[in-house]
Amino acid sequence: DTAVVHLVGVDELPQHTGMLKLEHFAFDAVGLKDFLARLEREGVPYDGRKVQGAEGVQINIHDPDGNHIHVDFYGEETRGVAFREVDPSAMNR
């Protein structure tokens, strides 16, 4: 499977009426250690969390425009990585 995300830059914010809100984007990925090393190297602040009941790790970051992005990693590569555990249902509040 190949996922594609197409992002478009604009010179001005589009006009809209009503509430326009997107809380976050979420992606599944592989290469946790390389991803963390790059965040450290680039000085990008992040919040890492283990997901209870799953062998998963969420890495939460914000892009330069302030959008919240979380990147999920699962499986063997998450073993031995120390982050606090969070209840996944708490992420929907």
PDB file of N, CA and C in Angstrom:
ATOM      1  N   ASP A   1       0.832  -1.184   0.000  1.00  0.00           N
ATOM      2  CA  ASP A   1       0.000   0.000   0.000  1.00  0.00           C
ATOM      3  C   ASP A   1       0.874   1.243   0.000  1.00  0.00           C
ATOM      4  N   THR A   2       0.468   2.213  -0.772  1.00  0.00           N
ATOM      5  CA  THR A   2       1.159   3.484  -0.815  1.00  0.00           C
ATOM      6  C   THR A   2       0.158   4.589  -0.528  1.00  0.00           C
ATOM      7  N   ALA A   3       0.417   5.342   0.520  1.00  0.00           N
ATOM      8  CA  ALA A   3      -0.448   6.471   0.850  1.00  0.00           C
ATOM      9  C   ALA A   3       0.159   7.740   0.282  1.00  0.00           C
ATOM     10  N   VAL A   4      -0.687   8.608  -0.190  1.00  0.00           N
ATOM     11  CA  VAL A   4      -0.229   9.879  -0.741  1.00  0.00           C
ATOM     12  C   VAL A   4      -0.986  10.994  -0.048  1.00  0.00           C
ATOM     13  N   VAL A   5      -0.265  11.993   0.407  1.00  0.00           N
ATOM     14  CA  VAL A   5      -0.870  13.186   0.982  1.00  0.00           C
ATOM     15  C   VAL A   5      -0.440  14.350   0.105  1.00  0.00           C
ATOM     16  N   HIS A   6      -1.396  15.078  -0.400  1.00  0.00           N
ATOM     17  CA  HIS A   6      -1.103  16.204  -1.270  1.00  0.00           C
ATOM     18  C   HIS A   6      -1.398  17.480  -0.498  1.00  0.00           C
ATOM     19  N   LEU A   7      -0.379  18.263  -0.225  1.00  0.00           N
ATOM     20  CA  LEU A   7      -0.524  19.522   0.488  1.00  0.00           C
ATOM     21  C   LEU A   7      -0.304  20.665  -0.488  1.00  0.00           C
ATOM     22  N   VAL A   8      -1.125  21.683  -0.392  1.00  0.00           N
ATOM     23  CA  VAL A   8      -1.049  22.812  -1.305  1.00  0.00           C
ATOM     24  C   VAL A   8      -0.764  24.075  -0.508  1.00  0.00           C
ATOM     25  N   GLY A   9       0.254  24.799  -0.886  1.00  0.00           N
ATOM     26  CA  GLY A   9       0.560  26.078  -0.253  1.00  0.00           C
ATOM     27  C   GLY A   9      -0.274  27.186  -0.874  1.00  0.00           C
ATOM     28  N   VAL A  10      -0.614  28.174  -0.083  1.00  0.00           N
ATOM     29  CA  VAL A  10      -1.386  29.320  -0.583  1.00  0.00           C
ATOM     30  C   VAL A  10      -0.745  30.605  -0.083  1.00  0.00           C
ATOM     31  N   ASP A  11      -0.914  31.666  -0.859  1.00  0.00           N
ATOM     32  CA  ASP A  11      -0.391  32.969  -0.456  1.00  0.00           C
ATOM     33  C   ASP A  11      -1.297  33.660   0.552  1.00  0.00           C
ATOM     34  N   GLU A  12      -2.603  33.390   0.462  1.00  0.00           N
ATOM     35  CA  GLU A  12      -3.573  33.976   1.385  1.00  0.00           C
ATOM     36  C   GLU A  12      -4.463  32.880   1.935  1.00  0.00           C
ATOM     37  N   LEU A  13      -4.938  33.063   3.165  1.00  0.00           N
ATOM     38  CA  LEU A  13      -5.888  32.113   3.720  1.00  0.00           C
ATOM     39  C   LEU A  13      -7.212  32.243   2.981  1.00  0.00           C
ATOM     40  N   PRO A  14      -7.836  31.115   2.631  1.00  0.00           N
ATOM     41  CA  PRO A  14      -9.121  31.196   1.937  1.00  0.00           C
ATOM     42  C   PRO A  14     -10.208  31.748   2.855  1.00  0.00           C
ATOM     43  N   GLN A  15     -11.195  32.423   2.261  1.00  0.00           N
ATOM     44  CA  GLN A  15     -12.337  32.922   3.016  1.00  0.00           C
ATOM     45  C   GLN A  15     -13.249  31.740   3.339  1.00  0.00           C
ATOM     46  N   HIS A  16     -13.799  31.743   4.527  1.00  0.00           N
ATOM     47  CA  HIS A  16     -14.751  30.699   4.888  1.00  0.00           C
ATOM     48  C   HIS A  16     -15.748  31.267   5.889  1.00  0.00           C
ATOM     49  N   THR A  17     -16.888  30.632   5.961  1.00  0.00           N
ATOM     50  CA  THR A  17     -17.882  31.017   6.955  1.00  0.00           C
ATOM     51  C   THR A  17     -18.072  29.849   7.899  1.00  0.00           C
ATOM     52  N   GLY A  18     -18.405  30.151   9.131  1.00  0.00           N
ATOM     53  CA  GLY A  18     -18.570  29.091  10.112  1.00  0.00           C
ATOM     54  C   GLY A  18     -17.239  28.647  10.673  1.00  0.00           C
ATOM     55  N   MET A  19     -17.291  27.555  11.384  1.00  0.00           N
ATOM     56  CA  MET A  19     -16.099  27.053  12.062  1.00  0.00           C
ATOM     57  C   MET A  19     -15.326  26.099  11.152  1.00  0.00           C
ATOM     58  N   LEU A  20     -14.074  26.338  11.007  1.00  0.00           N
ATOM     59  CA  LEU A  20     -13.192  25.484  10.220  1.00  0.00           C
ATOM     60  C   LEU A  20     -12.126  24.966  11.173  1.00  0.00           C
ATOM     61  N   LYS A  21     -12.111  23.659  11.434  1.00  0.00           N
ATOM     62  CA  LYS A  21     -11.155  23.139  12.407  1.00  0.00           C
ATOM     63  C   LYS A  21     -10.783  21.701  12.063  1.00  0.00           C
ATOM     64  N   LEU A  22      -9.521  21.433  12.146  1.00  0.00           N
ATOM     65  CA  LEU A  22      -8.992  20.089  12.017  1.00  0.00           C
ATOM     66  C   LEU A  22      -8.014  19.921  13.164  1.00  0.00           C
ATOM     67  N   GLU A  23      -8.281  18.980  14.082  1.00  0.00           N
ATOM     68  CA  GLU A  23      -7.435  18.867  15.271  1.00  0.00           C
ATOM     69  C   GLU A  23      -6.064  18.289  14.942  1.00  0.00           C
ATOM     70  N   HIS A  24      -6.018  17.216  14.155  1.00  0.00           N
ATOM     71  CA  HIS A  24      -4.709  16.668  13.816  1.00  0.00           C
ATOM     72  C   HIS A  24      -4.771  15.719  12.626  1.00  0.00           C
ATOM     73  N   PHE A  25      -3.599  15.468  12.082  1.00  0.00           N
ATOM     74  CA  PHE A  25      -3.384  14.445  11.072  1.00  0.00           C
ATOM     75  C   PHE A  25      -2.717  13.275  11.770  1.00  0.00           C
ATOM     76  N   ALA A  26      -2.967  12.055  11.303  1.00  0.00           N
ATOM     77  CA  ALA A  26      -2.303  10.882  11.883  1.00  0.00           C
ATOM     78  C   ALA A  26      -1.793   9.990  10.754  1.00  0.00           C
ATOM     79  N   PHE A  27      -0.593   9.464  10.953  1.00  0.00           N
ATOM     80  CA  PHE A  27       0.036   8.591   9.970  1.00  0.00           C
ATOM     81  C   PHE A  27       0.613   7.377  10.667  1.00  0.00           C
ATOM     82  N   ASP A  28       0.607   6.214  10.021  1.00  0.00           N
ATOM     83  CA  ASP A  28       1.361   5.043  10.453  1.00  0.00           C
ATOM     84  C   ASP A  28       2.694   5.088   9.723  1.00  0.00           C
ATOM     85  N   ALA A  29       3.747   4.693  10.412  1.00  0.00           N
ATOM     86  CA  ALA A  29       5.075   4.758   9.798  1.00  0.00           C
ATOM     87  C   ALA A  29       5.963   3.639  10.317  1.00  0.00           C
ATOM     88  N   VAL A  30       7.099   3.474   9.700  1.00  0.00           N
ATOM     89  CA  VAL A  30       8.163   2.583  10.167  1.00  0.00           C
ATOM     90  C   VAL A  30       9.440   3.411  10.241  1.00  0.00           C
ATOM     91  N   GLY A  31      10.383   2.935  11.062  1.00  0.00           N
ATOM     92  CA  GLY A  31      11.651   3.651  11.197  1.00  0.00           C
ATOM     93  C   GLY A  31      11.668   4.589  12.385  1.00  0.00           C
ATOM     94  N   LEU A  32      11.140   4.121  13.524  1.00  0.00           N
ATOM     95  CA  LEU A  32      11.020   4.949  14.723  1.00  0.00           C
ATOM     96  C   LEU A  32      12.347   5.570  15.151  1.00  0.00           C
ATOM     97  N   LYS A  33      13.385   4.766  15.260  1.00  0.00           N
ATOM     98  CA  LYS A  33      14.665   5.301  15.752  1.00  0.00           C
ATOM     99  C   LYS A  33      15.229   6.369  14.820  1.00  0.00           C
ATOM    100  N   ASP A  34      15.134   6.154  13.521  1.00  0.00           N
ATOM    101  CA  ASP A  34      15.607   7.161  12.563  1.00  0.00           C
ATOM    102  C   ASP A  34      14.757   8.428  12.639  1.00  0.00           C
ATOM    103  N   PHE A  35      13.442   8.258  12.818  1.00  0.00           N
ATOM    104  CA  PHE A  35      12.545   9.408  12.928  1.00  0.00           C
ATOM    105  C   PHE A  35      12.887  10.238  14.153  1.00  0.00           C
ATOM    106  N   LEU A  36      13.068   9.572  15.299  1.00  0.00           N
ATOM    107  CA  LEU A  36      13.424  10.296  16.524  1.00  0.00           C
ATOM    108  C   LEU A  36      14.781  10.978  16.390  1.00  0.00           C
ATOM    109  N   ALA A  37      15.727  10.303  15.770  1.00  0.00           N
ATOM    110  CA  ALA A  37      17.061  10.892  15.579  1.00  0.00           C
ATOM    111  C   ALA A  37      16.967  12.155  14.719  1.00  0.00           C
ATOM    112  N   ARG A  38      16.127  12.111  13.693  1.00  0.00           N
ATOM    113  CA  ARG A  38      15.981  13.294  12.836  1.00  0.00           C
ATOM    114  C   ARG A  38      15.326  14.439  13.586  1.00  0.00           C
ATOM    115  N   LEU A  39      14.281  14.144  14.380  1.00  0.00           N
ATOM    116  CA  LEU A  39      13.647  15.195  15.173  1.00  0.00           C
ATOM    117  C   LEU A  39      14.660  15.839  16.114  1.00  0.00           C
ATOM    118  N   GLU A  40      15.473  15.011  16.758  1.00  0.00           N
ATOM    119  CA  GLU A  40      16.514  15.521  17.668  1.00  0.00           C
ATOM    120  C   GLU A  40      17.526  16.374  16.905  1.00  0.00           C
ATOM    121  N   ARG A  41      17.991  15.869  15.781  1.00  0.00           N
ATOM    122  CA  ARG A  41      19.004  16.570  14.977  1.00  0.00           C
ATOM    123  C   ARG A  41      18.490  17.926  14.488  1.00  0.00           C
ATOM    124  N   GLU A  42      17.212  17.971  14.114  1.00  0.00           N
ATOM    125  CA  GLU A  42      16.621  19.202  13.587  1.00  0.00           C
ATOM    126  C   GLU A  42      16.072  20.114  14.689  1.00  0.00           C
ATOM    127  N   GLY A  43      16.124  19.647  15.947  1.00  0.00           N
ATOM    128  CA  GLY A  43      15.633  20.458  17.057  1.00  0.00           C
ATOM    129  C   GLY A  43      14.117  20.602  17.089  1.00  0.00           C
ATOM    130  N   VAL A  44      13.407  19.601  16.583  1.00  0.00           N
ATOM    131  CA  VAL A  44      11.942  19.632  16.561  1.00  0.00           C
ATOM    132  C   VAL A  44      11.416  19.070  17.884  1.00  0.00           C
ATOM    133  N   PRO A  45      10.666  19.878  18.641  1.00  0.00           N
ATOM    134  CA  PRO A  45      10.091  19.346  19.880  1.00  0.00           C
ATOM    135  C   PRO A  45       9.029  18.295  19.569  1.00  0.00           C
ATOM    136  N   TYR A  46       8.971  17.257  20.408  1.00  0.00           N
ATOM    137  CA  TYR A  46       7.975  16.203  20.206  1.00  0.00           C
ATOM    138  C   TYR A  46       7.548  15.637  21.546  1.00  0.00           C
ATOM    139  N   ASP A  47       6.417  14.955  21.512  1.00  0.00           N
ATOM    140  CA  ASP A  47       5.871  14.269  22.676  1.00  0.00           C
ATOM    141  C   ASP A  47       5.676  12.818  22.270  1.00  0.00           C
ATOM    142  N   GLY A  48       6.372  11.898  22.922  1.00  0.00           N
ATOM    143  CA  GLY A  48       6.242  10.477  22.621  1.00  0.00           C
ATOM    144  C   GLY A  48       5.402   9.782  23.680  1.00  0.00           C
ATOM    145  N   ARG A  49       4.515   8.894  23.231  1.00  0.00           N
ATOM    146  CA  ARG A  49       3.619   8.189  24.150  1.00  0.00           C
ATOM    147  C   ARG A  49       3.454   6.739  23.721  1.00  0.00           C
ATOM    148  N   LYS A  50       3.461   5.824  24.706  1.00  0.00           N
ATOM    149  CA  LYS A  50       3.096   4.435  24.439  1.00  0.00           C
ATOM    150  C   LYS A  50       1.588   4.332  24.536  1.00  0.00           C
ATOM    151  N   VAL A  51       0.994   3.554  23.656  1.00  0.00           N
ATOM    152  CA  VAL A  51      -0.450   3.374  23.665  1.00  0.00           C
ATOM    153  C   VAL A  51      -0.780   2.109  24.450  1.00  0.00           C
ATOM    154  N   GLN A  52      -1.613   2.246  25.499  1.00  0.00           N
ATOM    155  CA  GLN A  52      -2.004   1.098  26.314  1.00  0.00           C
ATOM    156  C   GLN A  52      -2.737   0.076  25.463  1.00  0.00           C
ATOM    157  N   GLY A  53      -2.463  -1.195  25.735  1.00  0.00           N
ATOM    158  CA  GLY A  53      -3.173  -2.263  25.057  1.00  0.00           C
ATOM    159  C   GLY A  53      -2.733  -2.496  23.623  1.00  0.00           C
ATOM    160  N   ALA A  54      -1.699  -1.812  23.189  1.00  0.00           N
ATOM    161  CA  ALA A  54      -1.183  -2.008  21.833  1.00  0.00           C
ATOM    162  C   ALA A  54       0.323  -1.855  21.890  1.00  0.00           C
ATOM    163  N   GLU A  55       0.996  -2.575  21.029  1.00  0.00           N
ATOM    164  CA  GLU A  55       2.444  -2.392  20.947  1.00  0.00           C
ATOM    165  C   GLU A  55       2.709  -1.232  20.016  1.00  0.00           C
ATOM    166  N   GLY A  56       2.292  -0.061  20.462  1.00  0.00           N
ATOM    167  CA  GLY A  56       2.416   1.100  19.609  1.00  0.00           C
ATOM    168  C   GLY A  56       2.976   2.296  20.336  1.00  0.00           C
ATOM    169  N   VAL A  57       3.551   3.180  19.568  1.00  0.00           N
ATOM    170  CA  VAL A  57       4.102   4.438  20.068  1.00  0.00           C
ATOM    171  C   VAL A  57       3.562   5.547  19.177  1.00  0.00           C
ATOM    172  N   GLN A  58       3.109   6.633  19.807  1.00  0.00           N
ATOM    173  CA  GLN A  58       2.689   7.824  19.071  1.00  0.00           C
ATOM    174  C   GLN A  58       3.731   8.905  19.282  1.00  0.00           C
ATOM    175  N   ILE A  59       4.143   9.541  18.209  1.00  0.00           N
ATOM    176  CA  ILE A  59       5.017  10.699  18.290  1.00  0.00           C
ATOM    177  C   ILE A  59       4.189  11.896  17.824  1.00  0.00           C
ATOM    178  N   ASN A  60       3.997  12.864  18.712  1.00  0.00           N
ATOM    179  CA  ASN A  60       3.200  14.057  18.416  1.00  0.00           C
ATOM    180  C   ASN A  60       4.129  15.229  18.151  1.00  0.00           C
ATOM    181  N   ILE A  61       3.916  15.884  17.013  1.00  0.00           N
ATOM    182  CA  ILE A  61       4.712  17.048  16.630  1.00  0.00           C
ATOM    183  C   ILE A  61       3.771  18.121  16.079  1.00  0.00           C
ATOM    184  N   HIS A  62       4.306  19.304  15.870  1.00  0.00           N
ATOM    185  CA  HIS A  62       3.575  20.379  15.191  1.00  0.00           C
ATOM    186  C   HIS A  62       4.416  20.851  14.019  1.00  0.00           C
ATOM    187  N   ASP A  63       3.762  21.036  12.874  1.00  0.00           N
ATOM    188  CA  ASP A  63       4.491  21.523  11.710  1.00  0.00           C
ATOM    189  C   ASP A  63       4.703  23.033  11.837  1.00  0.00           C
ATOM    190  N   PRO A  64       5.457  23.643  10.922  1.00  0.00           N
ATOM    191  CA  PRO A  64       5.742  25.081  11.036  1.00  0.00           C
ATOM    192  C   PRO A  64       4.504  25.976  11.051  1.00  0.00           C
ATOM    193  N   ASP A  65       3.372  25.473  10.519  1.00  0.00           N
ATOM    194  CA  ASP A  65       2.134  26.245  10.549  1.00  0.00           C
ATOM    195  C   ASP A  65       1.307  25.986  11.804  1.00  0.00           C
ATOM    196  N   GLY A  66       1.816  25.133  12.714  1.00  0.00           N
ATOM    197  CA  GLY A  66       1.110  24.857  13.954  1.00  0.00           C
ATOM    198  C   GLY A  66       0.145  23.695  13.896  1.00  0.00           C
ATOM    199  N   ASN A  67       0.089  22.973  12.772  1.00  0.00           N
ATOM    200  CA  ASN A  67      -0.791  21.807  12.673  1.00  0.00           C
ATOM    201  C   ASN A  67      -0.250  20.661  13.520  1.00  0.00           C
ATOM    202  N   HIS A  68      -1.130  20.016  14.268  1.00  0.00           N
ATOM    203  CA  HIS A  68      -0.766  18.868  15.100  1.00  0.00           C
ATOM    204  C   HIS A  68      -0.729  17.628  14.210  1.00  0.00           C
ATOM    205  N   ILE A  69       0.379  16.910  14.285  1.00  0.00           N
ATOM    206  CA  ILE A  69       0.549  15.672  13.517  1.00  0.00           C
ATOM    207  C   ILE A  69       0.986  14.594  14.496  1.00  0.00           C
ATOM    208  N   HIS A  70       0.334  13.435  14.433  1.00  0.00           N
ATOM    209  CA  HIS A  70       0.894  12.330  15.200  1.00  0.00           C
ATOM    210  C   HIS A  70       1.216  11.179  14.268  1.00  0.00           C
ATOM    211  N   VAL A  71       2.370  10.589  14.555  1.00  0.00           N
ATOM    212  CA  VAL A  71       2.906   9.519  13.731  1.00  0.00           C
ATOM    213  C   VAL A  71       2.968   8.280  14.606  1.00  0.00           C
ATOM    214  N   ASP A  72       2.302   7.208  14.151  1.00  0.00           N
ATOM    215  CA  ASP A  72       2.216   5.966  14.913  1.00  0.00           C
ATOM    216  C   ASP A  72       3.208   4.940  14.389  1.00  0.00           C
ATOM    217  N   PHE A  73       3.876   4.281  15.319  1.00  0.00           N
ATOM    218  CA  PHE A  73       4.804   3.195  15.011  1.00  0.00           C
ATOM    219  C   PHE A  73       4.356   1.976  15.804  1.00  0.00           C
ATOM    220  N   TYR A  74       4.446   0.782  15.217  1.00  0.00           N
ATOM    221  CA  TYR A  74       4.002  -0.451  15.877  1.00  0.00           C
ATOM    222  C   TYR A  74       5.038  -1.543  15.713  1.00  0.00           C
ATOM    223  N   GLY A  75       4.891  -2.568  16.536  1.00  0.00           N
ATOM    224  CA  GLY A  75       5.681  -3.777  16.371  1.00  0.00           C
ATOM    225  C   GLY A  75       7.018  -3.744  17.080  1.00  0.00           C
ATOM    226  N   GLU A  76       7.877  -4.596  16.607  1.00  0.00           N
ATOM    227  CA  GLU A  76       9.178  -4.848  17.234  1.00  0.00           C
ATOM    228  C   GLU A  76       9.995  -3.581  17.449  1.00  0.00           C
ATOM    229  N   GLU A  77       9.944  -2.646  16.516  1.00  0.00           N
ATOM    230  CA  GLU A  77      10.778  -1.450  16.638  1.00  0.00           C
ATOM    231  C   GLU A  77      10.387  -0.569  17.825  1.00  0.00           C
ATOM    232  N   THR A  78       9.214  -0.785  18.413  1.00  0.00           N
ATOM    233  CA  THR A  78       8.793   0.038  19.549  1.00  0.00           C
ATOM    234  C   THR A  78       9.219  -0.554  20.884  1.00  0.00           C
ATOM    235  N   ARG A  79       9.683  -1.792  20.874  1.00  0.00           N
ATOM    236  CA  ARG A  79      10.106  -2.432  22.127  1.00  0.00           C
ATOM    237  C   ARG A  79      11.370  -1.768  22.651  1.00  0.00           C
ATOM    238  N   GLY A  80      11.371  -1.503  23.949  1.00  0.00           N
ATOM    239  CA  GLY A  80      12.531  -0.903  24.583  1.00  0.00           C
ATOM    240  C   GLY A  80      12.575   0.614  24.479  1.00  0.00           C
ATOM    241  N   VAL A  81      11.609   1.212  23.801  1.00  0.00           N
ATOM    242  CA  VAL A  81      11.552   2.672  23.710  1.00  0.00           C
ATOM    243  C   VAL A  81      10.743   3.162  24.910  1.00  0.00           C
ATOM    244  N   ALA A  82      11.315   4.052  25.692  1.00  0.00           N
ATOM    245  CA  ALA A  82      10.694   4.484  26.947  1.00  0.00           C
ATOM    246  C   ALA A  82       9.934   5.799  26.772  1.00  0.00           C
ATOM    247  N   PHE A  83       8.627   5.711  26.842  1.00  0.00           N
ATOM    248  CA  PHE A  83       7.738   6.873  26.874  1.00  0.00           C
ATOM    249  C   PHE A  83       6.668   6.572  27.907  1.00  0.00           C
ATOM    250  N   ARG A  84       5.946   7.591  28.341  1.00  0.00           N
ATOM    251  CA  ARG A  84       4.849   7.334  29.272  1.00  0.00           C
ATOM    252  C   ARG A  84       3.695   6.663  28.527  1.00  0.00           C
ATOM    253  N   GLU A  85       2.892   5.893  29.263  1.00  0.00           N
ATOM    254  CA  GLU A  85       1.727   5.239  28.667  1.00  0.00           C
ATOM    255  C   GLU A  85       0.523   6.149  28.757  1.00  0.00           C
ATOM    256  N   VAL A  86      -0.285   6.143  27.728  1.00  0.00           N
ATOM    257  CA  VAL A  86      -1.539   6.893  27.735  1.00  0.00           C
ATOM    258  C   VAL A  86      -2.667   5.969  27.308  1.00  0.00           C
ATOM    259  N   ASP A  87      -3.843   6.264  27.826  1.00  0.00           N
ATOM    260  CA  ASP A  87      -5.057   5.548  27.455  1.00  0.00           C
ATOM    261  C   ASP A  87      -5.497   6.069  26.085  1.00  0.00           C
ATOM    262  N   PRO A  88      -5.632   5.204  25.073  1.00  0.00           N
ATOM    263  CA  PRO A  88      -5.977   5.704  23.741  1.00  0.00           C
ATOM    264  C   PRO A  88      -7.316   6.435  23.699  1.00  0.00           C
ATOM    265  N   SER A  89      -8.245   6.109  24.587  1.00  0.00           N
ATOM    266  CA  SER A  89      -9.526   6.806  24.569  1.00  0.00           C
ATOM    267  C   SER A  89      -9.363   8.259  25.017  1.00  0.00           C
ATOM    268  N   ALA A  90      -8.301   8.560  25.753  1.00  0.00           N
ATOM    269  CA  ALA A  90      -8.052   9.927  26.200  1.00  0.00           C
ATOM    270  C   ALA A  90      -7.653  10.825  25.036  1.00  0.00           C
ATOM    271  N   MET A  91      -7.176  10.236  23.962  1.00  0.00           N
ATOM    272  CA  MET A  91      -6.754  11.027  22.810  1.00  0.00           C
ATOM    273  C   MET A  91      -7.951  11.608  22.060  1.00  0.00           C
ATOM    274  N   ASN A  92      -9.150  11.104  22.322  1.00  0.00           N
ATOM    275  CA  ASN A  92     -10.340  11.571  21.617  1.00  0.00           C
ATOM    276  C   ASN A  92     -11.120  12.611  22.409  1.00  0.00           C
ATOM    277  N   ARG A  93     -10.586  13.076  23.490  1.00  0.00           N
ATOM    278  CA  ARG A  93     -11.314  14.045  24.318  1.00  0.00           C
ATOM    279  C   ARG A  93     -10.984  15.449  23.924  1.00  0.00           C
TER     280      ARG A  93
END
